[in-house]
Amino acid sequence: MLEAALARLPIFCADLPAFHETARTHVRYFTRDEAPNAIAARIADYLANDSVYQFKQRVRREFSWERIFAECLEPLAQDA
């Protein structure tokens, strides 16, 4: 939880007193009896609507070294 907070990642955790003591209101809690598919749906919904996460995914997708090479560098080498 602490490492995720330092990395500015969203945190989802069980609704346990120890987690409340550490994270207070800065995380998303789920009950221990909540169905796993319901928890997964909440996480997916959060990520689908989080602009920071969406931007991060776009950067990873569009600015990978493989894509930069294929679109920018490889054509230069072929023209030579």
C-alpha atoms as a PDB file:
ATOM      1  CA  MET A   1       0.000   0.000   0.000  1.00  0.00           C
ATOM      2  CA  LEU A   2       2.771   2.438   0.848  1.00  0.00           C
ATOM      3  CA  GLU A   3       4.710   1.670  -2.323  1.00  0.00           C
ATOM      4  CA  ALA A   4       1.560   2.077  -4.416  1.00  0.00           C
ATOM      5  CA  ALA A   5       0.895   5.432  -2.787  1.00  0.00           C
ATOM      6  CA  LEU A   6       4.441   6.611  -3.504  1.00  0.00           C
ATOM      7  CA  ALA A   7       4.001   5.526  -7.130  1.00  0.00           C
ATOM      8  CA  ARG A   8       0.654   7.386  -7.237  1.00  0.00           C
ATOM      9  CA  LEU A   9      -1.248   4.233  -8.124  1.00  0.00           C
ATOM     10  CA  PRO A  10      -4.903   3.747  -7.250  1.00  0.00           C
ATOM     11  CA  ILE A  11      -5.318   1.496  -4.243  1.00  0.00           C
ATOM     12  CA  PHE A  12      -8.147  -0.948  -3.607  1.00  0.00           C
ATOM     13  CA  CYS A  13      -8.064  -2.972  -0.414  1.00  0.00           C
ATOM     14  CA  ALA A  14     -10.163  -4.942   2.025  1.00  0.00           C
ATOM     15  CA  ASP A  15     -12.105  -2.913   4.547  1.00  0.00           C
ATOM     16  CA  LEU A  16      -9.898  -3.803   7.540  1.00  0.00           C
ATOM     17  CA  PRO A  17      -9.031  -1.587  10.509  1.00  0.00           C
ATOM     18  CA  ALA A  18      -5.276  -1.810   9.838  1.00  0.00           C
ATOM     19  CA  PHE A  19      -5.754  -0.450   6.325  1.00  0.00           C
ATOM     20  CA  HIS A  20      -7.984   2.375   7.598  1.00  0.00           C
ATOM     21  CA  GLU A  21      -5.282   3.278  10.095  1.00  0.00           C
ATOM     22  CA  THR A  22      -2.713   3.623   7.320  1.00  0.00           C
ATOM     23  CA  ALA A  23      -4.687   4.833   4.322  1.00  0.00           C
ATOM     24  CA  ARG A  24      -7.671   6.560   5.936  1.00  0.00           C
ATOM     25  CA  THR A  25      -9.857   7.892   3.098  1.00  0.00           C
ATOM     26  CA  HIS A  26      -7.225   7.801   0.356  1.00  0.00           C
ATOM     27  CA  VAL A  27      -8.053   4.322  -0.964  1.00  0.00           C
ATOM     28  CA  ARG A  28     -11.101   2.459  -2.219  1.00  0.00           C
ATOM     29  CA  TYR A  29     -12.283  -0.222   0.163  1.00  0.00           C
ATOM     30  CA  PHE A  30     -14.235  -3.385  -0.524  1.00  0.00           C
ATOM     31  CA  THR A  31     -15.838  -5.651   2.022  1.00  0.00           C
ATOM     32  CA  ARG A  32     -14.365  -9.071   2.659  1.00  0.00           C
ATOM     33  CA  ASP A  33     -17.621 -10.729   1.590  1.00  0.00           C
ATOM     34  CA  GLU A  34     -17.931  -8.792  -1.664  1.00  0.00           C
ATOM     35  CA  ALA A  35     -17.902 -11.042  -4.717  1.00  0.00           C
ATOM     36  CA  PRO A  36     -14.566 -11.072  -6.585  1.00  0.00           C
ATOM     37  CA  ASN A  37     -16.275 -10.226  -9.878  1.00  0.00           C
ATOM     38  CA  ALA A  38     -17.924  -7.197  -8.241  1.00  0.00           C
ATOM     39  CA  ILE A  39     -14.546  -6.023  -6.938  1.00  0.00           C
ATOM     40  CA  ALA A  40     -12.995  -6.528 -10.374  1.00  0.00           C
ATOM     41  CA  ALA A  41     -15.848  -4.565 -11.973  1.00  0.00           C
ATOM     42  CA  ARG A  42     -15.327  -1.668  -9.550  1.00  0.00           C
ATOM     43  CA  ILE A  43     -11.604  -1.595 -10.315  1.00  0.00           C
ATOM     44  CA  ALA A  44     -12.217  -1.765 -14.074  1.00  0.00           C
ATOM     45  CA  ASP A  45     -14.821   1.009 -13.846  1.00  0.00           C
ATOM     46  CA  TYR A  46     -12.468   3.194 -11.854  1.00  0.00           C
ATOM     47  CA  LEU A  47      -9.619   2.725 -14.324  1.00  0.00           C
ATOM     48  CA  ALA A  48     -11.896   3.277 -17.329  1.00  0.00           C
ATOM     49  CA  ASN A  49     -12.908   6.652 -15.904  1.00  0.00           C
ATOM     50  CA  ASP A  50      -9.581   7.809 -14.481  1.00  0.00           C
ATOM     51  CA  SER A  51      -7.982  10.338 -16.845  1.00  0.00           C
ATOM     52  CA  VAL A  52      -4.499   9.897 -15.372  1.00  0.00           C
ATOM     53  CA  TYR A  53      -4.641   6.131 -15.897  1.00  0.00           C
ATOM     54  CA  GLN A  54      -6.020   6.574 -19.420  1.00  0.00           C
ATOM     55  CA  PHE A  55      -3.232   8.992 -20.317  1.00  0.00           C
ATOM     56  CA  LYS A  56      -0.629   6.618 -18.898  1.00  0.00           C
ATOM     57  CA  GLN A  57      -2.026   3.787 -21.040  1.00  0.00           C
ATOM     58  CA  ARG A  58      -1.968   6.019 -24.136  1.00  0.00           C
ATOM     59  CA  VAL A  59       1.657   6.976 -23.523  1.00  0.00           C
ATOM     60  CA  ARG A  60       2.631   3.324 -23.102  1.00  0.00           C
ATOM     61  CA  ARG A  61       0.785   2.369 -26.271  1.00  0.00           C
ATOM     62  CA  GLU A  62       1.776   5.248 -28.544  1.00  0.00           C
ATOM     63  CA  PHE A  63       5.260   6.105 -27.353  1.00  0.00           C
ATOM     64  CA  SER A  64       6.929   2.738 -26.918  1.00  0.00           C
ATOM     65  CA  TRP A  65      10.469   2.368 -28.233  1.00  0.00           C
ATOM     66  CA  GLU A  66       9.211  -0.240 -30.698  1.00  0.00           C
ATOM     67  CA  ARG A  67       6.664   2.163 -32.165  1.00  0.00           C
ATOM     68  CA  ILE A  68       9.079   5.105 -32.242  1.00  0.00           C
ATOM     69  CA  PHE A  69      11.608   2.936 -34.070  1.00  0.00           C
ATOM     70  CA  ALA A  70       9.067   1.587 -36.551  1.00  0.00           C
ATOM     71  CA  GLU A  71       7.499   4.957 -37.340  1.00  0.00           C
ATOM     72  CA  CYS A  72      10.440   7.347 -37.083  1.00  0.00           C
ATOM     73  CA  LEU A  73      13.825   5.639 -37.249  1.00  0.00           C
ATOM     74  CA  GLU A  74      13.286   2.652 -39.510  1.00  0.00           C
ATOM     75  CA  PRO A  75      11.981   4.811 -42.407  1.00  0.00           C
ATOM     76  CA  LEU A  76      15.138   6.910 -42.180  1.00  0.00           C
ATOM     77  CA  ALA A  77      17.285   3.809 -42.525  1.00  0.00           C
ATOM     78  CA  GLN A  78      15.259   2.577 -45.510  1.00  0.00           C
ATOM     79  CA  ASP A  79      15.667   5.899 -47.329  1.00  0.00           C
ATOM     80  CA  ALA A  80      19.451   5.709 -47.051  1.00  0.00           C
END
